[in-house]
């Protein structure tokens, strides 16, 4: 299903190169993290450079699901205590998240 979503995004953004995909909602528990992780992983499977930014400051989960460190995150970057290079971490290639 996520590969189909990826294909549809590519089709819709064919004329104008789409560099950003944002998944958002005002309600918790709707699957924003799950969907964004899997869409990002779907692009990574195509060997496309992909950056997934976890912006949930209240209940961050992406770091745990990808098995990366959470010492430096978005808030550390935004207040100027870390550079983008320090806040960026590489994950396993082709990772697809499992629903919790």
PDB file of N, CA and C in Angstrom:
ATOM      1  N   UNK A   1       0.817  -1.193   0.000  1.00  0.00           N
ATOM      2  CA  UNK A   1       0.000   0.000   0.000  1.00  0.00           C
ATOM      3  C   UNK A   1       0.867   1.266   0.000  1.00  0.00           C
ATOM      4  N   UNK A   2       1.996   1.218   0.734  1.00  0.00           N
ATOM      5  CA  UNK A   2       2.851   2.406   0.797  1.00  0.00           C
ATOM      6  C   UNK A   2       3.594   2.634  -0.518  1.00  0.00           C
ATOM      7  N   UNK A   3       3.863   1.582  -1.235  1.00  0.00           N
ATOM      8  CA  UNK A   3       4.480   1.755  -2.558  1.00  0.00           C
ATOM      9  C   UNK A   3       3.475   2.378  -3.526  1.00  0.00           C
ATOM     10  N   UNK A   4       2.210   2.044  -3.369  1.00  0.00           N
ATOM     11  CA  UNK A   4       1.160   2.659  -4.188  1.00  0.00           C
ATOM     12  C   UNK A   4       1.050   4.145  -3.862  1.00  0.00           C
ATOM     13  N   UNK A   5       1.095   4.484  -2.577  1.00  0.00           N
ATOM     14  CA  UNK A   5       1.062   5.899  -2.171  1.00  0.00           C
ATOM     15  C   UNK A   5       2.257   6.625  -2.766  1.00  0.00           C
ATOM     16  N   UNK A   6       3.439   6.016  -2.677  1.00  0.00           N
ATOM     17  CA  UNK A   6       4.650   6.614  -3.250  1.00  0.00           C
ATOM     18  C   UNK A   6       4.479   6.855  -4.753  1.00  0.00           C
ATOM     19  N   UNK A   7       3.944   5.872  -5.463  1.00  0.00           N
ATOM     20  CA  UNK A   7       3.731   6.014  -6.904  1.00  0.00           C
ATOM     21  C   UNK A   7       2.760   7.138  -7.205  1.00  0.00           C
ATOM     22  N   UNK A   8       1.690   7.242  -6.422  1.00  0.00           N
ATOM     23  CA  UNK A   8       0.727   8.326  -6.624  1.00  0.00           C
ATOM     24  C   UNK A   8       1.336   9.686  -6.350  1.00  0.00           C
ATOM     25  N   UNK A   9       2.176   9.791  -5.328  1.00  0.00           N
ATOM     26  CA  UNK A   9       2.867  11.052  -5.051  1.00  0.00           C
ATOM     27  C   UNK A   9       3.778  11.404  -6.213  1.00  0.00           C
ATOM     28  N   UNK A  10       4.499  10.421  -6.735  1.00  0.00           N
ATOM     29  CA  UNK A  10       5.385  10.665  -7.877  1.00  0.00           C
ATOM     30  C   UNK A  10       4.593  11.093  -9.109  1.00  0.00           C
ATOM     31  N   UNK A  11       3.449  10.477  -9.322  1.00  0.00           N
ATOM     32  CA  UNK A  11       2.606  10.828 -10.466  1.00  0.00           C
ATOM     33  C   UNK A  11       2.085  12.257 -10.342  1.00  0.00           C
ATOM     34  N   UNK A  12       1.597  12.616  -9.160  1.00  0.00           N
ATOM     35  CA  UNK A  12       1.042  13.956  -8.953  1.00  0.00           C
ATOM     36  C   UNK A  12       2.102  15.049  -9.012  1.00  0.00           C
ATOM     37  N   UNK A  13       3.325  14.703  -8.661  1.00  0.00           N
ATOM     38  CA  UNK A  13       4.382  15.711  -8.629  1.00  0.00           C
ATOM     39  C   UNK A  13       5.320  15.587  -9.825  1.00  0.00           C
ATOM     40  N   UNK A  14       4.873  14.913 -10.881  1.00  0.00           N
ATOM     41  CA  UNK A  14       5.724  14.671 -12.048  1.00  0.00           C
ATOM     42  C   UNK A  14       6.204  15.965 -12.702  1.00  0.00           C
ATOM     43  N   UNK A  15       5.297  16.913 -12.915  1.00  0.00           N
ATOM     44  CA  UNK A  15       5.664  18.163 -13.587  1.00  0.00           C
ATOM     45  C   UNK A  15       6.459  19.084 -12.679  1.00  0.00           C
ATOM     46  N   UNK A  16       6.067  19.165 -11.441  1.00  0.00           N
ATOM     47  CA  UNK A  16       6.784  19.977 -10.464  1.00  0.00           C
ATOM     48  C   UNK A  16       7.464  19.028  -9.502  1.00  0.00           C
ATOM     49  N   UNK A  17       8.765  19.109  -9.441  1.00  0.00           N
ATOM     50  CA  UNK A  17       9.505  18.186  -8.592  1.00  0.00           C
ATOM     51  C   UNK A  17       9.117  18.394  -7.120  1.00  0.00           C
ATOM     52  N   UNK A  18       8.530  17.371  -6.538  1.00  0.00           N
ATOM     53  CA  UNK A  18       8.083  17.429  -5.148  1.00  0.00           C
ATOM     54  C   UNK A  18       9.198  16.925  -4.244  1.00  0.00           C
ATOM     55  N   UNK A  19       9.727  17.794  -3.409  1.00  0.00           N
ATOM     56  CA  UNK A  19      10.815  17.411  -2.533  1.00  0.00           C
ATOM     57  C   UNK A  19      10.368  17.185  -1.100  1.00  0.00           C
ATOM     58  N   UNK A  20       9.156  17.574  -0.767  1.00  0.00           N
ATOM     59  CA  UNK A  20       8.691  17.473   0.609  1.00  0.00           C
ATOM     60  C   UNK A  20       7.311  16.825   0.640  1.00  0.00           C
ATOM     61  N   UNK A  21       7.159  15.851   1.518  1.00  0.00           N
ATOM     62  CA  UNK A  21       5.868  15.234   1.782  1.00  0.00           C
ATOM     63  C   UNK A  21       5.629  15.388   3.276  1.00  0.00           C
ATOM     64  N   UNK A  22       4.480  15.925   3.649  1.00  0.00           N
ATOM     65  CA  UNK A  22       4.171  16.141   5.059  1.00  0.00           C
ATOM     66  C   UNK A  22       2.915  15.362   5.430  1.00  0.00           C
ATOM     67  N   UNK A  23       3.006  14.630   6.519  1.00  0.00           N
ATOM     68  CA  UNK A  23       1.862  13.885   7.042  1.00  0.00           C
ATOM     69  C   UNK A  23       1.479  14.552   8.350  1.00  0.00           C
ATOM     70  N   UNK A  24       0.240  15.021   8.454  1.00  0.00           N
ATOM     71  CA  UNK A  24      -0.167  15.764   9.638  1.00  0.00           C
ATOM     72  C   UNK A  24      -1.616  15.495   9.998  1.00  0.00           C
ATOM     73  N   UNK A  25      -1.936  15.777  11.241  1.00  0.00           N
ATOM     74  CA  UNK A  25      -3.295  15.660  11.753  1.00  0.00           C
ATOM     75  C   UNK A  25      -3.338  16.356  13.102  1.00  0.00           C
ATOM     76  N   UNK A  26      -4.499  16.799  13.501  1.00  0.00           N
ATOM     77  CA  UNK A  26      -4.627  17.441  14.812  1.00  0.00           C
ATOM     78  C   UNK A  26      -4.983  16.446  15.910  1.00  0.00           C
ATOM     79  N   UNK A  27      -5.216  15.205  15.529  1.00  0.00           N
ATOM     80  CA  UNK A  27      -5.647  14.184  16.482  1.00  0.00           C
ATOM     81  C   UNK A  27      -4.550  13.128  16.631  1.00  0.00           C
ATOM     82  N   UNK A  28      -4.256  12.760  17.865  1.00  0.00           N
ATOM     83  CA  UNK A  28      -3.281  11.716  18.115  1.00  0.00           C
ATOM     84  C   UNK A  28      -3.821  10.334  17.802  1.00  0.00           C
ATOM     85  N   UNK A  29      -2.927   9.418  17.510  1.00  0.00           N
ATOM     86  CA  UNK A  29      -3.317   8.030  17.296  1.00  0.00           C
ATOM     87  C   UNK A  29      -3.880   7.702  15.937  1.00  0.00           C
ATOM     88  N   UNK A  30      -3.739   8.610  14.972  1.00  0.00           N
ATOM     89  CA  UNK A  30      -4.290   8.352  13.640  1.00  0.00           C
ATOM     90  C   UNK A  30      -3.284   7.698  12.683  1.00  0.00           C
ATOM     91  N   UNK A  31      -2.061   7.469  13.146  1.00  0.00           N
ATOM     92  CA  UNK A  31      -1.089   6.769  12.309  1.00  0.00           C
ATOM     93  C   UNK A  31      -0.145   7.656  11.542  1.00  0.00           C
ATOM     94  N   UNK A  32       0.032   8.887  11.974  1.00  0.00           N
ATOM     95  CA  UNK A  32       0.934   9.805  11.263  1.00  0.00           C
ATOM     96  C   UNK A  32       2.368   9.280  11.263  1.00  0.00           C
ATOM     97  N   UNK A  33       2.828   8.834  12.418  1.00  0.00           N
ATOM     98  CA  UNK A  33       4.194   8.328  12.522  1.00  0.00           C
ATOM     99  C   UNK A  33       4.358   7.073  11.690  1.00  0.00           C
ATOM    100  N   UNK A  34       3.447   6.146  11.814  1.00  0.00           N
ATOM    101  CA  UNK A  34       3.509   4.894  11.061  1.00  0.00           C
ATOM    102  C   UNK A  34       3.520   5.154   9.562  1.00  0.00           C
ATOM    103  N   UNK A  35       2.617   6.005   9.088  1.00  0.00           N
ATOM    104  CA  UNK A  35       2.538   6.299   7.654  1.00  0.00           C
ATOM    105  C   UNK A  35       3.783   7.028   7.156  1.00  0.00           C
ATOM    106  N   UNK A  36       4.237   8.035   7.897  1.00  0.00           N
ATOM    107  CA  UNK A  36       5.398   8.789   7.445  1.00  0.00           C
ATOM    108  C   UNK A  36       6.647   7.915   7.419  1.00  0.00           C
ATOM    109  N   UNK A  37       6.800   7.035   8.403  1.00  0.00           N
ATOM    110  CA  UNK A  37       7.955   6.136   8.419  1.00  0.00           C
ATOM    111  C   UNK A  37       7.939   5.197   7.216  1.00  0.00           C
ATOM    112  N   UNK A  38       6.785   4.678   6.891  1.00  0.00           N
ATOM    113  CA  UNK A  38       6.706   3.734   5.791  1.00  0.00           C
ATOM    114  C   UNK A  38       6.781   4.406   4.425  1.00  0.00           C
ATOM    115  N   UNK A  39       6.258   5.602   4.288  1.00  0.00           N
ATOM    116  CA  UNK A  39       6.414   6.333   3.029  1.00  0.00           C
ATOM    117  C   UNK A  39       7.886   6.672   2.821  1.00  0.00           C
ATOM    118  N   UNK A  40       8.557   7.129   3.868  1.00  0.00           N
ATOM    119  CA  UNK A  40       9.989   7.431   3.779  1.00  0.00           C
ATOM    120  C   UNK A  40      10.787   6.178   3.425  1.00  0.00           C
ATOM    121  N   UNK A  41      10.457   5.066   4.057  1.00  0.00           N
ATOM    122  CA  UNK A  41      11.148   3.810   3.767  1.00  0.00           C
ATOM    123  C   UNK A  41      10.908   3.371   2.330  1.00  0.00           C
ATOM    124  N   UNK A  42       9.709   3.616   1.828  1.00  0.00           N
ATOM    125  CA  UNK A  42       9.375   3.261   0.455  1.00  0.00           C
ATOM    126  C   UNK A  42      10.233   4.046  -0.538  1.00  0.00           C
ATOM    127  N   UNK A  43      10.456   5.329  -0.255  1.00  0.00           N
ATOM    128  CA  UNK A  43      11.348   6.131  -1.105  1.00  0.00           C
ATOM    129  C   UNK A  43      12.788   5.656  -0.978  1.00  0.00           C
ATOM    130  N   UNK A  44      13.209   5.301   0.216  1.00  0.00           N
ATOM    131  CA  UNK A  44      14.580   4.833   0.434  1.00  0.00           C
ATOM    132  C   UNK A  44      14.842   3.533  -0.325  1.00  0.00           C
ATOM    133  N   UNK A  45      13.814   2.691  -0.479  1.00  0.00           N
ATOM    134  CA  UNK A  45      13.969   1.458  -1.239  1.00  0.00           C
ATOM    135  C   UNK A  45      14.307   1.728  -2.707  1.00  0.00           C
ATOM    136  N   UNK A  46      13.921   2.900  -3.201  1.00  0.00           N
ATOM    137  CA  UNK A  46      14.251   3.305  -4.577  1.00  0.00           C
ATOM    138  C   UNK A  46      15.640   3.923  -4.659  1.00  0.00           C
ATOM    139  N   UNK A  47      16.374   3.872  -3.532  1.00  0.00           N
ATOM    140  CA  UNK A  47      17.706   4.470  -3.418  1.00  0.00           C
ATOM    141  C   UNK A  47      17.669   5.986  -3.587  1.00  0.00           C
ATOM    142  N   UNK A  48      16.545   6.584  -3.204  1.00  0.00           N
ATOM    143  CA  UNK A  48      16.409   8.039  -3.200  1.00  0.00           C
ATOM    144  C   UNK A  48      16.896   8.554  -1.854  1.00  0.00           C
ATOM    145  N   UNK A  49      17.593   9.681  -1.877  1.00  0.00           N
ATOM    146  CA  UNK A  49      17.984  10.294  -0.614  1.00  0.00           C
ATOM    147  C   UNK A  49      16.714  10.708   0.106  1.00  0.00           C
ATOM    148  N   UNK A  50      16.558  10.230   1.313  1.00  0.00           N
ATOM    149  CA  UNK A  50      15.323  10.449   2.062  1.00  0.00           C
ATOM    150  C   UNK A  50      15.650  10.887   3.477  1.00  0.00           C
ATOM    151  N   UNK A  51      15.024  11.952   3.911  1.00  0.00           N
ATOM    152  CA  UNK A  51      15.175  12.414   5.286  1.00  0.00           C
ATOM    153  C   UNK A  51      13.795  12.427   5.924  1.00  0.00           C
ATOM    154  N   UNK A  52      13.685  11.764   7.050  1.00  0.00           N
ATOM    155  CA  UNK A  52      12.446  11.740   7.819  1.00  0.00           C
ATOM    156  C   UNK A  52      12.688  12.568   9.073  1.00  0.00           C
ATOM    157  N   UNK A  53      11.905  13.609   9.248  1.00  0.00           N
ATOM    158  CA  UNK A  53      12.053  14.485  10.407  1.00  0.00           C
ATOM    159  C   UNK A  53      10.944  14.167  11.394  1.00  0.00           C
ATOM    160  N   UNK A  54      11.339  13.692  12.561  1.00  0.00           N
ATOM    161  CA  UNK A  54      10.374  13.412  13.625  1.00  0.00           C
ATOM    162  C   UNK A  54      10.094  14.698  14.392  1.00  0.00           C
ATOM    163  N   UNK A  55       8.879  15.209  14.283  1.00  0.00           N
ATOM    164  CA  UNK A  55       8.556  16.492  14.914  1.00  0.00           C
ATOM    165  C   UNK A  55       7.624  16.355  16.110  1.00  0.00           C
ATOM    166  N   UNK A  56       7.378  15.137  16.547  1.00  0.00           N
ATOM    167  CA  UNK A  56       6.526  14.929  17.714  1.00  0.00           C
ATOM    168  C   UNK A  56       7.376  15.154  18.961  1.00  0.00           C
ATOM    169  N   UNK A  57       7.266  16.334  19.555  1.00  0.00           N
ATOM    170  CA  UNK A  57       8.088  16.682  20.712  1.00  0.00           C
ATOM    171  C   UNK A  57       7.519  16.124  22.012  1.00  0.00           C
ATOM    172  N   UNK A  58       6.224  15.804  22.030  1.00  0.00           N
ATOM    173  CA  UNK A  58       5.609  15.281  23.260  1.00  0.00           C
ATOM    174  C   UNK A  58       5.830  13.792  23.436  1.00  0.00           C
ATOM    175  N   UNK A  59       5.614  13.015  22.365  1.00  0.00           N
ATOM    176  CA  UNK A  59       5.774  11.564  22.440  1.00  0.00           C
ATOM    177  C   UNK A  59       6.591  11.065  21.243  1.00  0.00           C
ATOM    178  N   UNK A  60       7.884  11.367  21.225  1.00  0.00           N
ATOM    179  CA  UNK A  60       8.697  10.917  20.085  1.00  0.00           C
ATOM    180  C   UNK A  60       8.790   9.398  20.036  1.00  0.00           C
ATOM    181  N   UNK A  61       8.706   8.849  18.841  1.00  0.00           N
ATOM    182  CA  UNK A  61       8.726   7.396  18.693  1.00  0.00           C
ATOM    183  C   UNK A  61       9.620   6.923  17.551  1.00  0.00           C
ATOM    184  N   UNK A  62       9.841   7.789  16.591  1.00  0.00           N
ATOM    185  CA  UNK A  62      10.567   7.370  15.393  1.00  0.00           C
ATOM    186  C   UNK A  62      11.949   6.835  15.732  1.00  0.00           C
ATOM    187  N   UNK A  63      12.663   7.482  16.647  1.00  0.00           N
ATOM    188  CA  UNK A  63      14.019   7.042  16.992  1.00  0.00           C
ATOM    189  C   UNK A  63      14.020   5.594  17.465  1.00  0.00           C
ATOM    190  N   UNK A  64      13.030   5.225  18.256  1.00  0.00           N
ATOM    191  CA  UNK A  64      12.965   3.868  18.795  1.00  0.00           C
ATOM    192  C   UNK A  64      12.627   2.859  17.705  1.00  0.00           C
ATOM    193  N   UNK A  65      11.680   3.201  16.850  1.00  0.00           N
ATOM    194  CA  UNK A  65      11.277   2.285  15.779  1.00  0.00           C
ATOM    195  C   UNK A  65      12.393   2.054  14.770  1.00  0.00           C
ATOM    196  N   UNK A  66      13.236   3.062  14.547  1.00  0.00           N
ATOM    197  CA  UNK A  66      14.354   2.912  13.624  1.00  0.00           C
ATOM    198  C   UNK A  66      15.625   2.447  14.331  1.00  0.00           C
ATOM    199  N   UNK A  67      15.585   2.374  15.651  1.00  0.00           N
ATOM    200  CA  UNK A  67      16.745   1.904  16.398  1.00  0.00           C
ATOM    201  C   UNK A  67      17.916   2.873  16.375  1.00  0.00           C
ATOM    202  N   UNK A  68      17.626   4.180  16.472  1.00  0.00           N
ATOM    203  CA  UNK A  68      18.692   5.182  16.493  1.00  0.00           C
ATOM    204  C   UNK A  68      18.673   5.918  17.835  1.00  0.00           C
ATOM    205  N   UNK A  69      19.708   6.698  18.059  1.00  0.00           N
ATOM    206  CA  UNK A  69      19.895   7.430  19.302  1.00  0.00           C
ATOM    207  C   UNK A  69      18.959   8.641  19.367  1.00  0.00           C
ATOM    208  N   UNK A  70      18.495   8.972  20.570  1.00  0.00           N
ATOM    209  CA  UNK A  70      17.609  10.113  20.757  1.00  0.00           C
ATOM    210  C   UNK A  70      18.265  11.220  21.588  1.00  0.00           C
ATOM    211  N   UNK A  71      19.598  11.220  21.680  1.00  0.00           N
ATOM    212  CA  UNK A  71      20.289  12.244  22.475  1.00  0.00           C
ATOM    213  C   UNK A  71      20.212  13.623  21.840  1.00  0.00           C
ATOM    214  N   UNK A  72      20.274  13.674  20.527  1.00  0.00           N
ATOM    215  CA  UNK A  72      20.173  14.948  19.810  1.00  0.00           C
ATOM    216  C   UNK A  72      18.958  14.850  18.901  1.00  0.00           C
ATOM    217  N   UNK A  73      18.011  15.763  19.090  1.00  0.00           N
ATOM    218  CA  UNK A  73      16.788  15.726  18.303  1.00  0.00           C
ATOM    219  C   UNK A  73      16.434  17.080  17.746  1.00  0.00           C
ATOM    220  N   UNK A  74      15.210  17.205  17.305  1.00  0.00           N
ATOM    221  CA  UNK A  74      14.742  18.436  16.678  1.00  0.00           C
ATOM    222  C   UNK A  74      14.836  19.626  17.621  1.00  0.00           C
ATOM    223  N   UNK A  75      14.430  19.454  18.871  1.00  0.00           N
ATOM    224  CA  UNK A  75      14.475  20.582  19.810  1.00  0.00           C
ATOM    225  C   UNK A  75      15.910  21.047  20.051  1.00  0.00           C
ATOM    226  N   UNK A  76      16.860  20.117  20.121  1.00  0.00           N
ATOM    227  CA  UNK A  76      18.271  20.477  20.290  1.00  0.00           C
ATOM    228  C   UNK A  76      18.767  21.260  19.084  1.00  0.00           C
ATOM    229  N   UNK A  77      18.335  20.850  17.919  1.00  0.00           N
ATOM    230  CA  UNK A  77      18.705  21.542  16.685  1.00  0.00           C
ATOM    231  C   UNK A  77      18.095  22.940  16.631  1.00  0.00           C
ATOM    232  N   UNK A  78      16.812  23.055  16.973  1.00  0.00           N
ATOM    233  CA  UNK A  78      16.116  24.339  16.888  1.00  0.00           C
ATOM    234  C   UNK A  78      16.661  25.392  17.848  1.00  0.00           C
ATOM    235  N   UNK A  79      17.144  24.980  19.017  1.00  0.00           N
ATOM    236  CA  UNK A  79      17.686  25.957  19.961  1.00  0.00           C
ATOM    237  C   UNK A  79      19.161  26.258  19.708  1.00  0.00           C
ATOM    238  N   UNK A  80      19.732  25.617  18.690  1.00  0.00           N
ATOM    239  CA  UNK A  80      21.104  25.926  18.283  1.00  0.00           C
ATOM    240  C   UNK A  80      22.186  25.173  19.029  1.00  0.00           C
ATOM    241  N   UNK A  81      21.838  24.116  19.756  1.00  0.00           N
ATOM    242  CA  UNK A  81      22.840  23.341  20.480  1.00  0.00           C
ATOM    243  C   UNK A  81      23.391  22.166  19.680  1.00  0.00           C
ATOM    244  N   UNK A  82      22.982  22.050  18.433  1.00  0.00           N
ATOM    245  CA  UNK A  82      23.483  20.985  17.564  1.00  0.00           C
ATOM    246  C   UNK A  82      23.364  21.443  16.116  1.00  0.00           C
ATOM    247  N   UNK A  83      24.225  20.902  15.283  1.00  0.00           N
ATOM    248  CA  UNK A  83      24.164  21.198  13.848  1.00  0.00           C
ATOM    249  C   UNK A  83      23.266  20.158  13.168  1.00  0.00           C
ATOM    250  N   UNK A  84      22.925  20.415  11.920  1.00  0.00           N
ATOM    251  CA  UNK A  84      22.123  19.449  11.164  1.00  0.00           C
ATOM    252  C   UNK A  84      22.880  18.133  11.031  1.00  0.00           C
ATOM    253  N   UNK A  85      24.179  18.210  10.816  1.00  0.00           N
ATOM    254  CA  UNK A  85      24.971  16.981  10.711  1.00  0.00           C
ATOM    255  C   UNK A  85      24.928  16.171  12.006  1.00  0.00           C
ATOM    256  N   UNK A  86      24.974  16.853  13.152  1.00  0.00           N
ATOM    257  CA  UNK A  86      24.921  16.163  14.437  1.00  0.00           C
ATOM    258  C   UNK A  86      23.542  15.554  14.699  1.00  0.00           C
ATOM    259  N   UNK A  87      22.502  16.176  14.189  1.00  0.00           N
ATOM    260  CA  UNK A  87      21.138  15.713  14.431  1.00  0.00           C
ATOM    261  C   UNK A  87      20.678  14.654  13.431  1.00  0.00           C
ATOM    262  N   UNK A  88      21.420  14.470  12.352  1.00  0.00           N
ATOM    263  CA  UNK A  88      21.045  13.522  11.308  1.00  0.00           C
ATOM    264  C   UNK A  88      21.689  12.174  11.574  1.00  0.00           C
ATOM    265  N   UNK A  89      20.885  11.120  11.468  1.00  0.00           N
ATOM    266  CA  UNK A  89      21.380   9.768  11.687  1.00  0.00           C
ATOM    267  C   UNK A  89      20.949   8.870  10.536  1.00  0.00           C
ATOM    268  N   UNK A  90      21.829   7.967  10.154  1.00  0.00           N
ATOM    269  CA  UNK A  90      21.500   7.026   9.084  1.00  0.00           C
ATOM    270  C   UNK A  90      20.872   5.780   9.692  1.00  0.00           C
ATOM    271  N   UNK A  91      19.887   5.235   8.994  1.00  0.00           N
ATOM    272  CA  UNK A  91      19.198   4.030   9.468  1.00  0.00           C
ATOM    273  C   UNK A  91      19.515   2.869   8.540  1.00  0.00           C
ATOM    274  N   UNK A  92      18.941   1.734   8.859  1.00  0.00           N
ATOM    275  CA  UNK A  92      19.113   0.547   8.033  1.00  0.00           C
ATOM    276  C   UNK A  92      18.479   0.782   6.678  1.00  0.00           C
ATOM    277  N   UNK A  93      19.138   0.375   5.632  1.00  0.00           N
ATOM    278  CA  UNK A  93      18.595   0.568   4.289  1.00  0.00           C
ATOM    279  C   UNK A  93      17.391  -0.332   4.074  1.00  0.00           C
ATOM    280  N   UNK A  94      16.352   0.241   3.487  1.00  0.00           N
ATOM    281  CA  UNK A  94      15.167  -0.537   3.145  1.00  0.00           C
ATOM    282  C   UNK A  94      14.302  -0.916   4.338  1.00  0.00           C
ATOM    283  N   UNK A  95      14.456  -0.246   5.449  1.00  0.00           N
ATOM    284  CA  UNK A  95      13.678  -0.546   6.647  1.00  0.00           C
ATOM    285  C   UNK A  95      12.207  -0.250   6.422  1.00  0.00           C
ATOM    286  N   UNK A  96      11.355  -1.171   6.789  1.00  0.00           N
ATOM    287  CA  UNK A  96       9.920  -0.936   6.779  1.00  0.00           C
ATOM    288  C   UNK A  96       9.429  -1.168   8.207  1.00  0.00           C
ATOM    289  N   UNK A  97       8.742  -0.214   8.752  1.00  0.00           N
ATOM    290  CA  UNK A  97       8.287  -0.280  10.144  1.00  0.00           C
ATOM    291  C   UNK A  97       7.176  -1.292  10.315  1.00  0.00           C
ATOM    292  N   UNK A  98       7.161  -1.912  11.469  1.00  0.00           N
ATOM    293  CA  UNK A  98       6.081  -2.819  11.827  1.00  0.00           C
ATOM    294  C   UNK A  98       5.081  -2.058  12.694  1.00  0.00           C
ATOM    295  N   UNK A  99       3.785  -2.241  12.467  1.00  0.00           N
ATOM    296  CA  UNK A  99       2.816  -1.537  13.322  1.00  0.00           C
ATOM    297  C   UNK A  99       2.904  -2.034  14.751  1.00  0.00           C
ATOM    298  N   UNK A 100       2.766  -1.098  15.702  1.00  0.00           N
ATOM    299  CA  UNK A 100       2.836  -1.468  17.118  1.00  0.00           C
ATOM    300  C   UNK A 100       1.470  -1.852  17.630  1.00  0.00           C
TER     301      UNK A 100
END
